Amino acid sequence: MRNAFIDRATTETKITCSLEIDGTGMCDVKTGCGFLDHMLELFTRHGRFNLTLRCEGDAHVDFHHTTEDVAIALGSAFSRALGDRAGINRYGSFILPMDEALAICATDICGRATLVFDARFETPKVGDFDTELIKEFFAAFARKLGAAIHLRLISGENSHHIAEALFKGFARALSQAVAADPKSQGEIPSTKGVIL
């Protein structure tokens, strides 16, 4: 089983995260932010990961620290569960329609953290959640996993739909990237022989 447990505490957040990469889409998350919980549930379901996560954050300020630190914990969990990255596909991509929104999502688990984020939101908030935090989430996730993540919105008007398209599409792309490559015989998927 490729799994990991993360226990992370700062002056701003306290997070525990339990991840199983080879799961069934089971999700039990409570971050203190309803919209972030919803996005994590979509991510978990569409990636077929199992995730249990708890966060106590400084939501009285806003959801910035909660969102970024949850992504740090989740990216760290994926990194730990994948170990040396032997035997994985490494690459994944998906085009996802969500009503009028259409997103292209691709990732390379290469050891080099990069985020290319080309998406605009029509509103500054969805409920009480700042839509600018979605970019912060993926940037923190990319740093901790050591992955290049490309997210591009082709069309979209409803901010909720845009966010869903990005999280679902990325989950599908990540699921491809972390899946076992039956042809690799457990090799590191790099000509360097190592992914750092």
C-alpha atoms as a PDB file:
ATOM      1  CA  MET A   1       0.000   0.000   0.000  1.00  0.00           C
ATOM      2  CA  ARG A   2       1.311   3.431  -0.965  1.00  0.00           C
ATOM      3  CA  ASN A   3       0.230   5.531   1.977  1.00  0.00           C
ATOM      4  CA  ALA A   4       1.480   8.279   4.260  1.00  0.00           C
ATOM      5  CA  PHE A   5       0.580  10.143   7.425  1.00  0.00           C
ATOM      6  CA  ILE A   6       1.469  13.797   7.954  1.00  0.00           C
ATOM      7  CA  ASP A   7       1.229  15.671  11.248  1.00  0.00           C
ATOM      8  CA  ARG A   8       2.010  19.357  10.727  1.00  0.00           C
ATOM      9  CA  ALA A   9       1.711  22.149  13.267  1.00  0.00           C
ATOM     10  CA  THR A  10       2.548  25.844  12.983  1.00  0.00           C
ATOM     11  CA  THR A  11       1.369  28.934  14.840  1.00  0.00           C
ATOM     12  CA  GLU A  12      -1.289  29.309  12.119  1.00  0.00           C
ATOM     13  CA  THR A  13      -2.568  25.782  11.508  1.00  0.00           C
ATOM     14  CA  LYS A  14      -2.579  22.279  12.952  1.00  0.00           C
ATOM     15  CA  ILE A  15      -3.100  19.548  10.364  1.00  0.00           C
ATOM     16  CA  THR A  16      -3.220  15.770  10.306  1.00  0.00           C
ATOM     17  CA  CYS A  17      -3.438  14.038   6.946  1.00  0.00           C
ATOM     18  CA  SER A  18      -3.741  10.341   6.138  1.00  0.00           C
ATOM     19  CA  LEU A  19      -3.489   9.363   2.461  1.00  0.00           C
ATOM     20  CA  GLU A  20      -3.808   6.125   0.517  1.00  0.00           C
ATOM     21  CA  ILE A  21      -2.905   6.590  -3.140  1.00  0.00           C
ATOM     22  CA  ASP A  22      -4.424   3.287  -4.237  1.00  0.00           C
ATOM     23  CA  GLY A  23      -7.847   3.917  -2.791  1.00  0.00           C
ATOM     24  CA  THR A  24     -11.493   3.991  -3.768  1.00  0.00           C
ATOM     25  CA  GLY A  25     -12.273   7.684  -3.422  1.00  0.00           C
ATOM     26  CA  MET A  26     -13.145   7.683   0.288  1.00  0.00           C
ATOM     27  CA  CYS A  27     -12.901  11.170   1.797  1.00  0.00           C
ATOM     28  CA  ASP A  28     -13.254  12.428   5.358  1.00  0.00           C
ATOM     29  CA  VAL A  29     -12.046  16.034   5.530  1.00  0.00           C
ATOM     30  CA  LYS A  30     -12.743  18.919   7.869  1.00  0.00           C
ATOM     31  CA  THR A  31     -10.702  22.043   7.243  1.00  0.00           C
ATOM     32  CA  GLY A  32     -13.001  24.657   8.738  1.00  0.00           C
ATOM     33  CA  CYS A  33     -13.706  25.919   5.215  1.00  0.00           C
ATOM     34  CA  GLY A  34     -16.735  24.410   3.510  1.00  0.00           C
ATOM     35  CA  PHE A  35     -15.660  25.267  -0.022  1.00  0.00           C
ATOM     36  CA  LEU A  36     -12.175  23.805   0.459  1.00  0.00           C
ATOM     37  CA  ASP A  37     -13.736  20.646   1.925  1.00  0.00           C
ATOM     38  CA  HIS A  38     -15.905  20.401  -1.195  1.00  0.00           C
ATOM     39  CA  MET A  39     -12.887  20.758  -3.531  1.00  0.00           C
ATOM     40  CA  LEU A  40     -10.937  18.116  -1.586  1.00  0.00           C
ATOM     41  CA  GLU A  41     -13.903  15.744  -1.758  1.00  0.00           C
ATOM     42  CA  LEU A  42     -14.023  16.190  -5.552  1.00  0.00           C
ATOM     43  CA  PHE A  43     -10.259  15.741  -5.809  1.00  0.00           C
ATOM     44  CA  THR A  44     -10.324  12.561  -3.719  1.00  0.00           C
ATOM     45  CA  ARG A  45     -13.275  11.030  -5.539  1.00  0.00           C
ATOM     46  CA  HIS A  46     -12.016  11.717  -9.044  1.00  0.00           C
ATOM     47  CA  GLY A  47      -8.458  10.659  -8.245  1.00  0.00           C
ATOM     48  CA  ARG A  48      -9.667   7.491  -6.484  1.00  0.00           C
ATOM     49  CA  PHE A  49      -7.508   8.335  -3.469  1.00  0.00           C
ATOM     50  CA  ASN A  50      -8.477   7.745   0.169  1.00  0.00           C
ATOM     51  CA  LEU A  51      -8.027  10.833   2.317  1.00  0.00           C
ATOM     52  CA  THR A  52      -8.638  11.687   5.951  1.00  0.00           C
ATOM     53  CA  LEU A  53      -7.664  15.234   6.876  1.00  0.00           C
ATOM     54  CA  ARG A  54      -8.251  17.567   9.799  1.00  0.00           C
ATOM     55  CA  CYS A  55      -7.214  21.192  10.004  1.00  0.00           C
ATOM     56  CA  GLU A  56      -7.544  23.719  12.801  1.00  0.00           C
ATOM     57  CA  GLY A  57      -6.583  27.058  11.302  1.00  0.00           C
ATOM     58  CA  ASP A  58      -6.809  30.786  11.882  1.00  0.00           C
ATOM     59  CA  ALA A  59     -10.051  31.121   9.932  1.00  0.00           C
ATOM     60  CA  HIS A  60     -10.866  34.249  11.945  1.00  0.00           C
ATOM     61  CA  VAL A  61      -8.221  35.953   9.765  1.00  0.00           C
ATOM     62  CA  ASP A  62      -9.184  34.350   6.438  1.00  0.00           C
ATOM     63  CA  PHE A  63      -8.676  30.988   4.707  1.00  0.00           C
ATOM     64  CA  HIS A  64      -5.237  31.738   3.244  1.00  0.00           C
ATOM     65  CA  HIS A  65      -3.146  29.840   5.792  1.00  0.00           C
ATOM     66  CA  THR A  66      -5.625  26.976   5.933  1.00  0.00           C
ATOM     67  CA  THR A  67      -5.669  26.555   2.159  1.00  0.00           C
ATOM     68  CA  GLU A  68      -1.897  26.802   1.683  1.00  0.00           C
ATOM     69  CA  ASP A  69      -1.034  24.579   4.647  1.00  0.00           C
ATOM     70  CA  VAL A  70      -3.559  21.907   3.670  1.00  0.00           C
ATOM     71  CA  ALA A  71      -1.918  21.819   0.230  1.00  0.00           C
ATOM     72  CA  ILE A  72       1.522  21.578   1.866  1.00  0.00           C
ATOM     73  CA  ALA A  73       0.381  18.628   3.975  1.00  0.00           C
ATOM     74  CA  LEU A  74      -1.341  16.914   1.044  1.00  0.00           C
ATOM     75  CA  GLY A  75       1.607  17.406  -1.317  1.00  0.00           C
ATOM     76  CA  SER A  76       3.947  16.098   1.393  1.00  0.00           C
ATOM     77  CA  ALA A  77       1.743  13.034   1.855  1.00  0.00           C
ATOM     78  CA  PHE A  78       1.846  12.231  -1.859  1.00  0.00           C
ATOM     79  CA  SER A  79       5.604  12.716  -1.929  1.00  0.00           C
ATOM     80  CA  ARG A  80       6.148  10.430   1.045  1.00  0.00           C
ATOM     81  CA  ALA A  81       3.756   7.766  -0.268  1.00  0.00           C
ATOM     82  CA  LEU A  82       5.474   7.716  -3.674  1.00  0.00           C
ATOM     83  CA  GLY A  83       8.943   7.270  -2.198  1.00  0.00           C
ATOM     84  CA  ASP A  84      11.607   7.229  -4.938  1.00  0.00           C
ATOM     85  CA  ARG A  85       8.900   7.343  -7.660  1.00  0.00           C
ATOM     86  CA  ALA A  86       9.923   3.951  -9.029  1.00  0.00           C
ATOM     87  CA  GLY A  87       7.437   2.307 -11.384  1.00  0.00           C
ATOM     88  CA  ILE A  88       5.029   5.235 -11.823  1.00  0.00           C
ATOM     89  CA  ASN A  89       3.850   6.703 -15.113  1.00  0.00           C
ATOM     90  CA  ARG A  90       5.211  10.086 -14.010  1.00  0.00           C
ATOM     91  CA  TYR A  91       3.064  12.005 -16.519  1.00  0.00           C
ATOM     92  CA  GLY A  92      -0.675  12.566 -16.579  1.00  0.00           C
ATOM     93  CA  SER A  93      -3.109  14.852 -18.373  1.00  0.00           C
ATOM     94  CA  PHE A  94      -6.838  15.349 -18.594  1.00  0.00           C
ATOM     95  CA  ILE A  95      -9.308  17.687 -20.287  1.00  0.00           C
ATOM     96  CA  LEU A  96     -12.338  18.165 -18.076  1.00  0.00           C
ATOM     97  CA  PRO A  97     -15.663  19.819 -18.911  1.00  0.00           C
ATOM     98  CA  MET A  98     -17.757  21.130 -16.021  1.00  0.00           C
ATOM     99  CA  ASP A  99     -20.894  22.580 -17.562  1.00  0.00           C
ATOM    100  CA  GLU A 100     -19.693  25.727 -19.395  1.00  0.00           C
ATOM    101  CA  ALA A 101     -16.188  25.477 -17.915  1.00  0.00           C
ATOM    102  CA  LEU A 102     -13.445  23.544 -19.701  1.00  0.00           C
ATOM    103  CA  ALA A 103     -10.005  22.964 -18.185  1.00  0.00           C
ATOM    104  CA  ILE A 104      -6.811  21.320 -19.403  1.00  0.00           C
ATOM    105  CA  CYS A 105      -4.776  19.825 -16.554  1.00  0.00           C
ATOM    106  CA  ALA A 106      -1.386  18.144 -16.875  1.00  0.00           C
ATOM    107  CA  THR A 107       1.351  17.117 -14.475  1.00  0.00           C
ATOM    108  CA  ASP A 108       4.867  15.714 -14.472  1.00  0.00           C
ATOM    109  CA  ILE A 109       6.176  14.269 -11.199  1.00  0.00           C
ATOM    110  CA  CYS A 110       9.722  15.231 -12.090  1.00  0.00           C
ATOM    111  CA  GLY A 111      11.196  16.544  -8.835  1.00  0.00           C
ATOM    112  CA  ARG A 112      11.062  20.145 -10.063  1.00  0.00           C
ATOM    113  CA  ALA A 113       8.282  22.286  -8.634  1.00  0.00           C
ATOM    114  CA  THR A 114       6.555  24.414 -11.255  1.00  0.00           C
ATOM    115  CA  LEU A 115       3.061  25.815 -11.509  1.00  0.00           C
ATOM    116  CA  VAL A 116       1.701  27.286 -14.719  1.00  0.00           C
ATOM    117  CA  PHE A 117      -1.749  28.609 -13.844  1.00  0.00           C
ATOM    118  CA  ASP A 118      -3.767  30.202 -16.625  1.00  0.00           C
ATOM    119  CA  ALA A 119      -7.253  30.615 -15.201  1.00  0.00           C
ATOM    120  CA  ARG A 120      -9.318  33.646 -14.313  1.00  0.00           C
ATOM    121  CA  PHE A 121     -12.302  33.718 -12.025  1.00  0.00           C
ATOM    122  CA  GLU A 122     -15.326  35.849 -12.736  1.00  0.00           C
ATOM    123  CA  THR A 123     -15.837  36.643  -9.050  1.00  0.00           C
ATOM    124  CA  PRO A 124     -13.363  37.328  -6.219  1.00  0.00           C
ATOM    125  CA  LYS A 125     -15.167  34.893  -3.921  1.00  0.00           C
ATOM    126  CA  VAL A 126     -17.215  31.717  -3.932  1.00  0.00           C
ATOM    127  CA  GLY A 127     -19.201  31.985  -0.732  1.00  0.00           C
ATOM    128  CA  ASP A 128     -16.627  33.173   1.829  1.00  0.00           C
ATOM    129  CA  PHE A 129     -13.672  31.634  -0.032  1.00  0.00           C
ATOM    130  CA  ASP A 130     -11.283  33.877  -1.990  1.00  0.00           C
ATOM    131  CA  THR A 131     -10.894  32.442  -5.485  1.00  0.00           C
ATOM    132  CA  GLU A 132      -7.283  33.679  -5.649  1.00  0.00           C
ATOM    133  CA  LEU A 133      -6.461  30.994  -3.062  1.00  0.00           C
ATOM    134  CA  ILE A 134      -6.989  28.255  -5.650  1.00  0.00           C
ATOM    135  CA  LYS A 135      -3.727  29.235  -7.338  1.00  0.00           C
ATOM    136  CA  GLU A 136      -2.031  29.292  -3.912  1.00  0.00           C
ATOM    137  CA  PHE A 137      -3.274  25.754  -3.241  1.00  0.00           C
ATOM    138  CA  PHE A 138      -1.792  24.325  -6.432  1.00  0.00           C
ATOM    139  CA  ALA A 139       1.474  26.265  -6.004  1.00  0.00           C
ATOM    140  CA  ALA A 140       1.999  24.808  -2.519  1.00  0.00           C
ATOM    141  CA  PHE A 141       1.034  21.314  -3.693  1.00  0.00           C
ATOM    142  CA  ALA A 142       3.519  21.510  -6.596  1.00  0.00           C
ATOM    143  CA  ARG A 143       6.332  22.606  -4.254  1.00  0.00           C
ATOM    144  CA  LYS A 144       5.849  19.781  -1.774  1.00  0.00           C
ATOM    145  CA  LEU A 145       5.305  17.014  -4.339  1.00  0.00           C
ATOM    146  CA  GLY A 146       8.059  18.256  -6.628  1.00  0.00           C
ATOM    147  CA  ALA A 147       5.864  18.332  -9.694  1.00  0.00           C
ATOM    148  CA  ALA A 148       5.270  20.495 -12.724  1.00  0.00           C
ATOM    149  CA  ILE A 149       1.562  21.318 -12.782  1.00  0.00           C
ATOM    150  CA  HIS A 150      -0.086  23.030 -15.739  1.00  0.00           C
ATOM    151  CA  LEU A 151      -3.667  24.230 -15.351  1.00  0.00           C
ATOM    152  CA  ARG A 152      -5.335  26.127 -18.163  1.00  0.00           C
ATOM    153  CA  LEU A 153      -8.929  27.280 -18.372  1.00  0.00           C
ATOM    154  CA  ILE A 154     -10.236  27.180 -21.937  1.00  0.00           C
ATOM    155  CA  SER A 155     -13.708  28.506 -21.134  1.00  0.00           C
ATOM    156  CA  GLY A 156     -15.832  29.251 -18.099  1.00  0.00           C
ATOM    157  CA  GLU A 157     -18.105  31.842 -16.535  1.00  0.00           C
ATOM    158  CA  ASN A 158     -19.241  30.444 -13.192  1.00  0.00           C
ATOM    159  CA  SER A 159     -16.447  30.617 -10.591  1.00  0.00           C
ATOM    160  CA  HIS A 160     -17.667  27.505  -8.770  1.00  0.00           C
ATOM    161  CA  HIS A 161     -17.680  25.521 -12.030  1.00  0.00           C
ATOM    162  CA  ILE A 162     -14.198  26.794 -12.906  1.00  0.00           C
ATOM    163  CA  ALA A 163     -12.834  25.681  -9.545  1.00  0.00           C
ATOM    164  CA  GLU A 164     -14.469  22.265  -9.897  1.00  0.00           C
ATOM    165  CA  ALA A 165     -13.046  21.807 -13.381  1.00  0.00           C
ATOM    166  CA  LEU A 166      -9.529  22.530 -12.103  1.00  0.00           C
ATOM    167  CA  PHE A 167      -9.701  20.262  -9.052  1.00  0.00           C
ATOM    168  CA  LYS A 168     -11.407  17.376 -10.858  1.00  0.00           C
ATOM    169  CA  GLY A 169      -9.173  17.649 -13.903  1.00  0.00           C
ATOM    170  CA  PHE A 170      -6.028  17.788 -11.799  1.00  0.00           C
ATOM    171  CA  ALA A 171      -7.178  14.775  -9.777  1.00  0.00           C
ATOM    172  CA  ARG A 172      -7.623  12.775 -12.971  1.00  0.00           C
ATOM    173  CA  ALA A 173      -4.226  13.865 -14.308  1.00  0.00           C
ATOM    174  CA  LEU A 174      -2.506  13.083 -11.005  1.00  0.00           C
ATOM    175  CA  SER A 175      -4.186   9.690 -10.854  1.00  0.00           C
ATOM    176  CA  GLN A 176      -2.636   8.853 -14.229  1.00  0.00           C
ATOM    177  CA  ALA A 177       0.791  10.136 -13.176  1.00  0.00           C
ATOM    178  CA  VAL A 178       0.975   8.137  -9.927  1.00  0.00           C
ATOM    179  CA  ALA A 179      -0.420   4.940 -11.474  1.00  0.00           C
ATOM    180  CA  ALA A 180       1.933   1.989 -11.890  1.00  0.00           C
ATOM    181  CA  ASP A 181       3.431   1.615 -15.357  1.00  0.00           C
ATOM    182  CA  PRO A 182       3.305  -2.141 -16.102  1.00  0.00           C
ATOM    183  CA  LYS A 183       6.140  -1.804 -18.643  1.00  0.00           C
ATOM    184  CA  SER A 184       8.610  -0.120 -16.290  1.00  0.00           C
ATOM    185  CA  GLN A 185       9.434  -3.127 -14.072  1.00  0.00           C
ATOM    186  CA  GLY A 186       9.732  -0.748 -11.135  1.00  0.00           C
ATOM    187  CA  GLU A 187      12.321   1.500 -12.798  1.00  0.00           C
ATOM    188  CA  ILE A 188      12.759   5.187 -11.989  1.00  0.00           C
ATOM    189  CA  PRO A 189      10.990   7.000 -14.869  1.00  0.00           C
ATOM    190  CA  SER A 190      13.930   9.275 -15.708  1.00  0.00           C
ATOM    191  CA  THR A 191      17.080   8.974 -17.821  1.00  0.00           C
ATOM    192  CA  LYS A 192      18.909  10.436 -14.826  1.00  0.00           C
ATOM    193  CA  GLY A 193      18.077   7.329 -12.817  1.00  0.00           C
ATOM    194  CA  VAL A 194      16.690   9.420  -9.981  1.00  0.00           C
ATOM    195  CA  ILE A 195      13.893  11.934  -9.433  1.00  0.00           C
ATOM    196  CA  LEU A 196      14.847  14.510  -6.838  1.00  0.00           C
END
